[in-house]
Amino acid sequence: IVQSVEAILCKPQQKRRHRKSHGRISFGDLARTIADAWKTVSPKARAIFDHYAERDSMRYKRELKQWKERKEMELEASTMVKHSNFMNN
């Protein structure tokens, strides 16, 4: 089970095609069914999911920090180029 959870968490994001509803269960009913199933998950299984959720949260925070730093550097570089172009004219 650990490998399958890790595979799910590490799968690259792909845009989902529009799908027609199958008419068997509404989104709200599906959400309630899943919530009820989570209430019955054993503490051992829950710990596995919590572990990977924490790892993914740390990865997200790390990547967000790197993205913000890169955007700040790009903004600074862009500002310097504009300033340099202004001074040269």
PDB file of N, CA and C in Angstrom:
ATOM      1  N   ILE A   1       0.825  -1.203   0.000  1.00  0.00           N
ATOM      2  CA  ILE A   1       0.000   0.000   0.000  1.00  0.00           C
ATOM      3  C   ILE A   1       0.868   1.265   0.000  1.00  0.00           C
ATOM      4  N   VAL A   2       2.044   1.215   0.621  1.00  0.00           N
ATOM      5  CA  VAL A   2       2.900   2.392   0.696  1.00  0.00           C
ATOM      6  C   VAL A   2       3.336   2.842  -0.688  1.00  0.00           C
ATOM      7  N   GLN A   3       3.693   1.901  -1.548  1.00  0.00           N
ATOM      8  CA  GLN A   3       4.125   2.281  -2.880  1.00  0.00           C
ATOM      9  C   GLN A   3       3.002   2.941  -3.661  1.00  0.00           C
ATOM     10  N   SER A   4       1.793   2.443  -3.516  1.00  0.00           N
ATOM     11  CA  SER A   4       0.688   3.028  -4.266  1.00  0.00           C
ATOM     12  C   SER A   4       0.379   4.440  -3.779  1.00  0.00           C
ATOM     13  N   VAL A   5       0.453   4.683  -2.490  1.00  0.00           N
ATOM     14  CA  VAL A   5       0.223   6.030  -1.952  1.00  0.00           C
ATOM     15  C   VAL A   5       1.319   6.966  -2.446  1.00  0.00           C
ATOM     16  N   GLU A   6       2.559   6.524  -2.397  1.00  0.00           N
ATOM     17  CA  GLU A   6       3.665   7.352  -2.860  1.00  0.00           C
ATOM     18  C   GLU A   6       3.540   7.639  -4.350  1.00  0.00           C
ATOM     19  N   ALA A   7       3.114   6.657  -5.118  1.00  0.00           N
ATOM     20  CA  ALA A   7       2.928   6.864  -6.559  1.00  0.00           C
ATOM     21  C   ALA A   7       1.852   7.908  -6.816  1.00  0.00           C
ATOM     22  N   ILE A   8       0.799   7.876  -6.026  1.00  0.00           N
ATOM     23  CA  ILE A   8      -0.272   8.862  -6.194  1.00  0.00           C
ATOM     24  C   ILE A   8       0.240  10.263  -5.867  1.00  0.00           C
ATOM     25  N   LEU A   9       0.981  10.388  -4.785  1.00  0.00           N
ATOM     26  CA  LEU A   9       1.451  11.700  -4.360  1.00  0.00           C
ATOM     27  C   LEU A   9       2.522  12.264  -5.286  1.00  0.00           C
ATOM     28  N   CYS A  10       3.287  11.405  -5.915  1.00  0.00           N
ATOM     29  CA  CYS A  10       4.390  11.864  -6.759  1.00  0.00           C
ATOM     30  C   CYS A  10       4.011  11.961  -8.230  1.00  0.00           C
ATOM     31  N   LYS A  11       2.781  11.608  -8.579  1.00  0.00           N
ATOM     32  CA  LYS A  11       2.359  11.637  -9.969  1.00  0.00           C
ATOM     33  C   LYS A  11       2.322  13.085 -10.461  1.00  0.00           C
ATOM     34  N   PRO A  12       2.887  13.371 -11.644  1.00  0.00           N
ATOM     35  CA  PRO A  12       2.829  14.737 -12.160  1.00  0.00           C
ATOM     36  C   PRO A  12       1.388  15.157 -12.436  1.00  0.00           C
ATOM     37  N   GLN A  13       1.148  16.439 -12.276  1.00  0.00           N
ATOM     38  CA  GLN A  13      -0.194  16.960 -12.503  1.00  0.00           C
ATOM     39  C   GLN A  13      -0.517  16.906 -14.000  1.00  0.00           C
ATOM     40  N   GLN A  14      -1.682  16.418 -14.324  1.00  0.00           N
ATOM     41  CA  GLN A  14      -2.143  16.368 -15.707  1.00  0.00           C
ATOM     42  C   GLN A  14      -3.521  16.999 -15.755  1.00  0.00           C
ATOM     43  N   LYS A  15      -3.781  17.736 -16.829  1.00  0.00           N
ATOM     44  CA  LYS A  15      -5.093  18.339 -16.966  1.00  0.00           C
ATOM     45  C   LYS A  15      -6.120  17.245 -17.262  1.00  0.00           C
ATOM     46  N   ARG A  16      -7.203  17.286 -16.522  1.00  0.00           N
ATOM     47  CA  ARG A  16      -8.237  16.274 -16.666  1.00  0.00           C
ATOM     48  C   ARG A  16      -9.217  16.683 -17.755  1.00  0.00           C
ATOM     49  N   ARG A  17      -9.514  15.739 -18.629  1.00  0.00           N
ATOM     50  CA  ARG A  17     -10.495  16.000 -19.667  1.00  0.00           C
ATOM     51  C   ARG A  17     -11.872  16.112 -19.038  1.00  0.00           C
ATOM     52  N   HIS A  18     -12.730  16.886 -19.687  1.00  0.00           N
ATOM     53  CA  HIS A  18     -14.095  17.000 -19.203  1.00  0.00           C
ATOM     54  C   HIS A  18     -14.776  15.647 -19.337  1.00  0.00           C
ATOM     55  N   ARG A  19     -15.470  15.252 -18.291  1.00  0.00           N
ATOM     56  CA  ARG A  19     -16.161  13.965 -18.320  1.00  0.00           C
ATOM     57  C   ARG A  19     -17.638  14.177 -18.025  1.00  0.00           C
ATOM     58  N   LYS A  20     -18.435  13.405 -18.670  1.00  0.00           N
ATOM     59  CA  LYS A  20     -19.872  13.461 -18.407  1.00  0.00           C
ATOM     60  C   LYS A  20     -20.166  12.685 -17.124  1.00  0.00           C
ATOM     61  N   SER A  21     -21.169  13.143 -16.401  1.00  0.00           N
ATOM     62  CA  SER A  21     -21.583  12.454 -15.190  1.00  0.00           C
ATOM     63  C   SER A  21     -22.157  11.094 -15.554  1.00  0.00           C
ATOM     64  N   HIS A  22     -21.844  10.101 -14.753  1.00  0.00           N
ATOM     65  CA  HIS A  22     -22.368   8.763 -15.027  1.00  0.00           C
ATOM     66  C   HIS A  22     -23.772   8.587 -14.448  1.00  0.00           C
ATOM     67  N   GLY A  23     -24.211   9.541 -13.611  1.00  0.00           N
ATOM     68  CA  GLY A  23     -25.568   9.501 -13.088  1.00  0.00           C
ATOM     69  C   GLY A  23     -25.795   8.501 -11.971  1.00  0.00           C
ATOM     70  N   ARG A  24     -24.769   7.828 -11.519  1.00  0.00           N
ATOM     71  CA  ARG A  24     -24.936   6.822 -10.474  1.00  0.00           C
ATOM     72  C   ARG A  24     -24.896   7.426  -9.071  1.00  0.00           C
ATOM     73  N   ILE A  25     -24.045   8.416  -8.871  1.00  0.00           N
ATOM     74  CA  ILE A  25     -23.884   9.015  -7.553  1.00  0.00           C
ATOM     75  C   ILE A  25     -23.543  10.488  -7.736  1.00  0.00           C
ATOM     76  N   SER A  26     -24.135  11.329  -6.925  1.00  0.00           N
ATOM     77  CA  SER A  26     -23.842  12.763  -7.030  1.00  0.00           C
ATOM     78  C   SER A  26     -22.514  13.055  -6.339  1.00  0.00           C
ATOM     79  N   PHE A  27     -21.961  14.214  -6.613  1.00  0.00           N
ATOM     80  CA  PHE A  27     -20.686  14.588  -6.000  1.00  0.00           C
ATOM     81  C   PHE A  27     -20.830  14.649  -4.484  1.00  0.00           C
ATOM     82  N   GLY A  28     -21.936  15.228  -4.008  1.00  0.00           N
ATOM     83  CA  GLY A  28     -22.161  15.319  -2.559  1.00  0.00           C
ATOM     84  C   GLY A  28     -22.237  13.955  -1.906  1.00  0.00           C
ATOM     85  N   ASP A  29     -22.956  13.021  -2.553  1.00  0.00           N
ATOM     86  CA  ASP A  29     -23.056  11.664  -2.016  1.00  0.00           C
ATOM     87  C   ASP A  29     -21.696  10.965  -2.032  1.00  0.00           C
ATOM     88  N   LEU A  30     -20.938  11.203  -3.074  1.00  0.00           N
ATOM     89  CA  LEU A  30     -19.590  10.630  -3.157  1.00  0.00           C
ATOM     90  C   LEU A  30     -18.718  11.164  -2.021  1.00  0.00           C
ATOM     91  N   ALA A  31     -18.785  12.472  -1.778  1.00  0.00           N
ATOM     92  CA  ALA A  31     -17.995  13.078  -0.698  1.00  0.00           C
ATOM     93  C   ALA A  31     -18.391  12.482   0.656  1.00  0.00           C
ATOM     94  N   ARG A  32     -19.686  12.302   0.894  1.00  0.00           N
ATOM     95  CA  ARG A  32     -20.145  11.711   2.153  1.00  0.00           C
ATOM     96  C   ARG A  32     -19.673  10.259   2.281  1.00  0.00           C
ATOM     97  N   THR A  33     -19.707   9.521   1.182  1.00  0.00           N
ATOM     98  CA  THR A  33     -19.256   8.122   1.198  1.00  0.00           C
ATOM     99  C   THR A  33     -17.775   8.041   1.543  1.00  0.00           C
ATOM    100  N   ILE A  34     -16.996   8.904   0.933  1.00  0.00           N
ATOM    101  CA  ILE A  34     -15.556   8.909   1.212  1.00  0.00           C
ATOM    102  C   ILE A  34     -15.294   9.327   2.657  1.00  0.00           C
ATOM    103  N   ALA A  35     -16.009  10.353   3.141  1.00  0.00           N
ATOM    104  CA  ALA A  35     -15.832  10.802   4.526  1.00  0.00           C
ATOM    105  C   ALA A  35     -16.174   9.678   5.503  1.00  0.00           C
ATOM    106  N   ASP A  36     -17.238   8.958   5.238  1.00  0.00           N
ATOM    107  CA  ASP A  36     -17.615   7.835   6.098  1.00  0.00           C
ATOM    108  C   ASP A  36     -16.548   6.749   6.080  1.00  0.00           C
ATOM    109  N   ALA A  37     -15.976   6.503   4.908  1.00  0.00           N
ATOM    110  CA  ALA A  37     -14.918   5.487   4.806  1.00  0.00           C
ATOM    111  C   ALA A  37     -13.683   5.910   5.597  1.00  0.00           C
ATOM    112  N   TRP A  38     -13.343   7.206   5.566  1.00  0.00           N
ATOM    113  CA  TRP A  38     -12.183   7.689   6.309  1.00  0.00           C
ATOM    114  C   TRP A  38     -12.385   7.526   7.810  1.00  0.00           C
ATOM    115  N   LYS A  39     -13.635   7.612   8.269  1.00  0.00           N
ATOM    116  CA  LYS A  39     -13.915   7.469   9.697  1.00  0.00           C
ATOM    117  C   LYS A  39     -13.642   6.052  10.184  1.00  0.00           C
ATOM    118  N   THR A  40     -13.648   5.082   9.283  1.00  0.00           N
ATOM    119  CA  THR A  40     -13.444   3.688   9.676  1.00  0.00           C
ATOM    120  C   THR A  40     -12.029   3.182   9.394  1.00  0.00           C
ATOM    121  N   VAL A  41     -11.155   4.037   8.868  1.00  0.00           N
ATOM    122  CA  VAL A  41      -9.776   3.618   8.570  1.00  0.00           C
ATOM    123  C   VAL A  41      -9.045   3.353   9.877  1.00  0.00           C
ATOM    124  N   SER A  42      -8.293   2.272   9.910  1.00  0.00           N
ATOM    125  CA  SER A  42      -7.549   1.900  11.123  1.00  0.00           C
ATOM    126  C   SER A  42      -6.481   2.950  11.420  1.00  0.00           C
ATOM    127  N   PRO A  43      -6.122   3.116  12.686  1.00  0.00           N
ATOM    128  CA  PRO A  43      -5.077   4.085  13.039  1.00  0.00           C
ATOM    129  C   PRO A  43      -3.749   3.814  12.325  1.00  0.00           C
ATOM    130  N   LYS A  44      -3.430   2.538  12.111  1.00  0.00           N
ATOM    131  CA  LYS A  44      -2.168   2.196  11.430  1.00  0.00           C
ATOM    132  C   LYS A  44      -2.199   2.675   9.977  1.00  0.00           C
ATOM    133  N   ALA A  45      -3.303   2.410   9.284  1.00  0.00           N
ATOM    134  CA  ALA A  45      -3.425   2.857   7.894  1.00  0.00           C
ATOM    135  C   ALA A  45      -3.472   4.383   7.838  1.00  0.00           C
ATOM    136  N   ARG A  46      -4.177   4.995   8.780  1.00  0.00           N
ATOM    137  CA  ARG A  46      -4.276   6.458   8.817  1.00  0.00           C
ATOM    138  C   ARG A  46      -2.896   7.079   9.009  1.00  0.00           C
ATOM    139  N   ALA A  47      -2.061   6.451   9.834  1.00  0.00           N
ATOM    140  CA  ALA A  47      -0.711   6.958  10.079  1.00  0.00           C
ATOM    141  C   ALA A  47       0.109   6.983   8.789  1.00  0.00           C
ATOM    142  N   ILE A  48      -0.090   5.988   7.936  1.00  0.00           N
ATOM    143  CA  ILE A  48       0.629   5.951   6.659  1.00  0.00           C
ATOM    144  C   ILE A  48       0.219   7.149   5.799  1.00  0.00           C
ATOM    145  N   PHE A  49      -1.083   7.383   5.686  1.00  0.00           N
ATOM    146  CA  PHE A  49      -1.563   8.522   4.894  1.00  0.00           C
ATOM    147  C   PHE A  49      -1.107   9.846   5.499  1.00  0.00           C
ATOM    148  N   ASP A  50      -1.156   9.952   6.825  1.00  0.00           N
ATOM    149  CA  ASP A  50      -0.714  11.183   7.489  1.00  0.00           C
ATOM    150  C   ASP A  50       0.771  11.441   7.240  1.00  0.00           C
ATOM    151  N   HIS A  51       1.551  10.361   7.251  1.00  0.00           N
ATOM    152  CA  HIS A  51       2.994  10.483   6.995  1.00  0.00           C
ATOM    153  C   HIS A  51       3.242  11.069   5.602  1.00  0.00           C
ATOM    154  N   TYR A  52       2.574  10.514   4.606  1.00  0.00           N
ATOM    155  CA  TYR A  52       2.780  11.004   3.245  1.00  0.00           C
ATOM    156  C   TYR A  52       2.169  12.387   3.034  1.00  0.00           C
ATOM    157  N   ALA A  53       1.092  12.683   3.738  1.00  0.00           N
ATOM    158  CA  ALA A  53       0.516  14.029   3.662  1.00  0.00           C
ATOM    159  C   ALA A  53       1.500  15.052   4.229  1.00  0.00           C
ATOM    160  N   GLU A  54       2.164  14.721   5.317  1.00  0.00           N
ATOM    161  CA  GLU A  54       3.157  15.624   5.915  1.00  0.00           C
ATOM    162  C   GLU A  54       4.349  15.805   4.973  1.00  0.00           C
ATOM    163  N   ARG A  55       4.811  14.708   4.366  1.00  0.00           N
ATOM    164  CA  ARG A  55       5.925  14.812   3.413  1.00  0.00           C
ATOM    165  C   ARG A  55       5.550  15.705   2.235  1.00  0.00           C
ATOM    166  N   ASP A  56       4.330  15.528   1.728  1.00  0.00           N
ATOM    167  CA  ASP A  56       3.907  16.319   0.583  1.00  0.00           C
ATOM    168  C   ASP A  56       3.739  17.784   0.975  1.00  0.00           C
ATOM    169  N   SER A  57       3.283  18.033   2.180  1.00  0.00           N
ATOM    170  CA  SER A  57       3.150  19.405   2.663  1.00  0.00           C
ATOM    171  C   SER A  57       4.526  20.078   2.738  1.00  0.00           C
ATOM    172  N   MET A  58       5.507  19.358   3.229  1.00  0.00           N
ATOM    173  CA  MET A  58       6.866  19.910   3.305  1.00  0.00           C
ATOM    174  C   MET A  58       7.415  20.166   1.899  1.00  0.00           C
ATOM    175  N   ARG A  59       7.158  19.240   0.964  1.00  0.00           N
ATOM    176  CA  ARG A  59       7.604  19.427  -0.416  1.00  0.00           C
ATOM    177  C   ARG A  59       6.955  20.661  -1.017  1.00  0.00           C
ATOM    178  N   TYR A  60       5.667  20.823  -0.802  1.00  0.00           N
ATOM    179  CA  TYR A  60       4.946  21.977  -1.334  1.00  0.00           C
ATOM    180  C   TYR A  60       5.537  23.277  -0.784  1.00  0.00           C
ATOM    181  N   LYS A  61       5.759  23.338   0.512  1.00  0.00           N
ATOM    182  CA  LYS A  61       6.311  24.557   1.115  1.00  0.00           C
ATOM    183  C   LYS A  61       7.704  24.863   0.567  1.00  0.00           C
ATOM    184  N   ARG A  62       8.513  23.818   0.389  1.00  0.00           N
ATOM    185  CA  ARG A  62       9.865  24.000  -0.159  1.00  0.00           C
ATOM    186  C   ARG A  62       9.794  24.524  -1.597  1.00  0.00           C
ATOM    187  N   GLU A  63       8.935  23.915  -2.428  1.00  0.00           N
ATOM    188  CA  GLU A  63       8.813  24.346  -3.821  1.00  0.00           C
ATOM    189  C   GLU A  63       8.211  25.740  -3.922  1.00  0.00           C
ATOM    190  N   LEU A  64       7.277  26.076  -3.043  1.00  0.00           N
ATOM    191  CA  LEU A  64       6.690  27.416  -3.039  1.00  0.00           C
ATOM    192  C   LEU A  64       7.747  28.458  -2.693  1.00  0.00           C
ATOM    193  N   LYS A  65       8.581  28.155  -1.718  1.00  0.00           N
ATOM    194  CA  LYS A  65       9.658  29.074  -1.338  1.00  0.00           C
ATOM    195  C   LYS A  65      10.621  29.271  -2.515  1.00  0.00           C
ATOM    196  N   GLN A  66      10.995  28.182  -3.176  1.00  0.00           N
ATOM    197  CA  GLN A  66      11.890  28.281  -4.329  1.00  0.00           C
ATOM    198  C   GLN A  66      11.246  29.083  -5.452  1.00  0.00           C
ATOM    199  N   TRP A  67       9.954  28.881  -5.694  1.00  0.00           N
ATOM    200  CA  TRP A  67       9.237  29.611  -6.741  1.00  0.00           C
ATOM    201  C   TRP A  67       9.209  31.104  -6.426  1.00  0.00           C
ATOM    202  N   LYS A  68       8.915  31.453  -5.174  1.00  0.00           N
ATOM    203  CA  LYS A  68       8.880  32.862  -4.783  1.00  0.00           C
ATOM    204  C   LYS A  68      10.252  33.511  -4.944  1.00  0.00           C
ATOM    205  N   GLU A  69      11.301  32.804  -4.532  1.00  0.00           N
ATOM    206  CA  GLU A  69      12.658  33.345  -4.674  1.00  0.00           C
ATOM    207  C   GLU A  69      12.998  33.558  -6.145  1.00  0.00           C
ATOM    208  N   ARG A  70      12.618  32.601  -6.996  1.00  0.00           N
ATOM    209  CA  ARG A  70      12.894  32.728  -8.431  1.00  0.00           C
ATOM    210  C   ARG A  70      12.129  33.911  -9.024  1.00  0.00           C
ATOM    211  N   LYS A  71      10.869  34.082  -8.623  1.00  0.00           N
ATOM    212  CA  LYS A  71      10.068  35.199  -9.133  1.00  0.00           C
ATOM    213  C   LYS A  71      10.640  36.537  -8.675  1.00  0.00           C
ATOM    214  N   GLU A  72      11.115  36.599  -7.435  1.00  0.00           N
ATOM    215  CA  GLU A  72      11.730  37.833  -6.939  1.00  0.00           C
ATOM    216  C   GLU A  72      12.998  38.159  -7.726  1.00  0.00           C
ATOM    217  N   MET A  73      13.801  37.137  -8.021  1.00  0.00           N
ATOM    218  CA  MET A  73      15.023  37.363  -8.796  1.00  0.00           C
ATOM    219  C   MET A  73      14.680  37.814 -10.212  1.00  0.00           C
ATOM    220  N   GLU A  74      13.633  37.210 -10.813  1.00  0.00           N
ATOM    221  CA  GLU A  74      13.219  37.613 -12.155  1.00  0.00           C
ATOM    222  C   GLU A  74      12.728  39.060 -12.155  1.00  0.00           C
ATOM    223  N   LEU A  75      12.001  39.448 -11.121  1.00  0.00           N
ATOM    224  CA  LEU A  75      11.503  40.811 -11.021  1.00  0.00           C
ATOM    225  C   LEU A  75      12.660  41.790 -10.862  1.00  0.00           C
ATOM    226  N   GLU A  76      13.618  41.446 -10.020  1.00  0.00           N
ATOM    227  CA  GLU A  76      14.790  42.303  -9.835  1.00  0.00           C
ATOM    228  C   GLU A  76      15.569  42.442 -11.143  1.00  0.00           C
ATOM    229  N   ALA A  77      15.753  41.337 -11.860  1.00  0.00           N
ATOM    230  CA  ALA A  77      16.487  41.382 -13.126  1.00  0.00           C
ATOM    231  C   ALA A  77      15.737  42.230 -14.143  1.00  0.00           C
ATOM    232  N   SER A  78      14.432  42.071 -14.192  1.00  0.00           N
ATOM    233  CA  SER A  78      13.613  42.851 -15.114  1.00  0.00           C
ATOM    234  C   SER A  78      13.690  44.335 -14.780  1.00  0.00           C
ATOM    235  N   THR A  79      13.649  44.660 -13.504  1.00  0.00           N
ATOM    236  CA  THR A  79      13.737  46.054 -13.067  1.00  0.00           C
ATOM    237  C   THR A  79      15.098  46.643 -13.423  1.00  0.00           C
ATOM    238  N   MET A  80      16.147  45.844 -13.263  1.00  0.00           N
ATOM    239  CA  MET A  80      17.492  46.328 -13.594  1.00  0.00           C
ATOM    240  C   MET A  80      17.618  46.585 -15.096  1.00  0.00           C
ATOM    241  N   VAL A  81      17.048  45.704 -15.920  1.00  0.00           N
ATOM    242  CA  VAL A  81      17.098  45.887 -17.372  1.00  0.00           C
ATOM    243  C   VAL A  81      16.342  47.148 -17.758  1.00  0.00           C
ATOM    244  N   LYS A  82      15.165  47.345 -17.203  1.00  0.00           N
ATOM    245  CA  LYS A  82      14.390  48.547 -17.510  1.00  0.00           C
ATOM    246  C   LYS A  82      15.130  49.798 -17.068  1.00  0.00           C
ATOM    247  N   HIS A  83      15.733  49.737 -15.878  1.00  0.00           N
ATOM    248  CA  HIS A  83      16.491  50.878 -15.378  1.00  0.00           C
ATOM    249  C   HIS A  83      17.703  51.152 -16.282  1.00  0.00           C
ATOM    250  N   SER A  84      18.369  50.083 -16.704  1.00  0.00           N
ATOM    251  CA  SER A  84      19.522  50.226 -17.574  1.00  0.00           C
ATOM    252  C   SER A  84      19.114  50.813 -18.927  1.00  0.00           C
ATOM    253  N   ASN A  85      18.020  50.348 -19.482  1.00  0.00           N
ATOM    254  CA  ASN A  85      17.528  50.892 -20.746  1.00  0.00           C
ATOM    255  C   ASN A  85      17.144  52.360 -20.608  1.00  0.00           C
ATOM    256  N   PHE A  86      16.560  52.725 -19.493  1.00  0.00           N
ATOM    257  CA  PHE A  86      16.166  54.112 -19.257  1.00  0.00           C
ATOM    258  C   PHE A  86      17.401  55.001 -19.172  1.00  0.00           C
ATOM    259  N   MET A  87      18.441  54.513 -18.491  1.00  0.00           N
ATOM    260  CA  MET A  87      19.660  55.308 -18.315  1.00  0.00           C
ATOM    261  C   MET A  87      20.421  55.455 -19.644  1.00  0.00           C
ATOM    262  N   ASN A  88      20.322  54.462 -20.524  1.00  0.00           N
ATOM    263  CA  ASN A  88      21.035  54.504 -21.783  1.00  0.00           C
ATOM    264  C   ASN A  88      20.325  55.396 -22.817  1.00  0.00           C
ATOM    265  N   ASN A  89      19.079  55.706 -22.606  1.00  0.00           N
ATOM    266  CA  ASN A  89      18.344  56.560 -23.555  1.00  0.00           C
ATOM    267  C   ASN A  89      18.434  57.967 -23.176  1.00  0.00           C
TER     268      ASN A  89
END
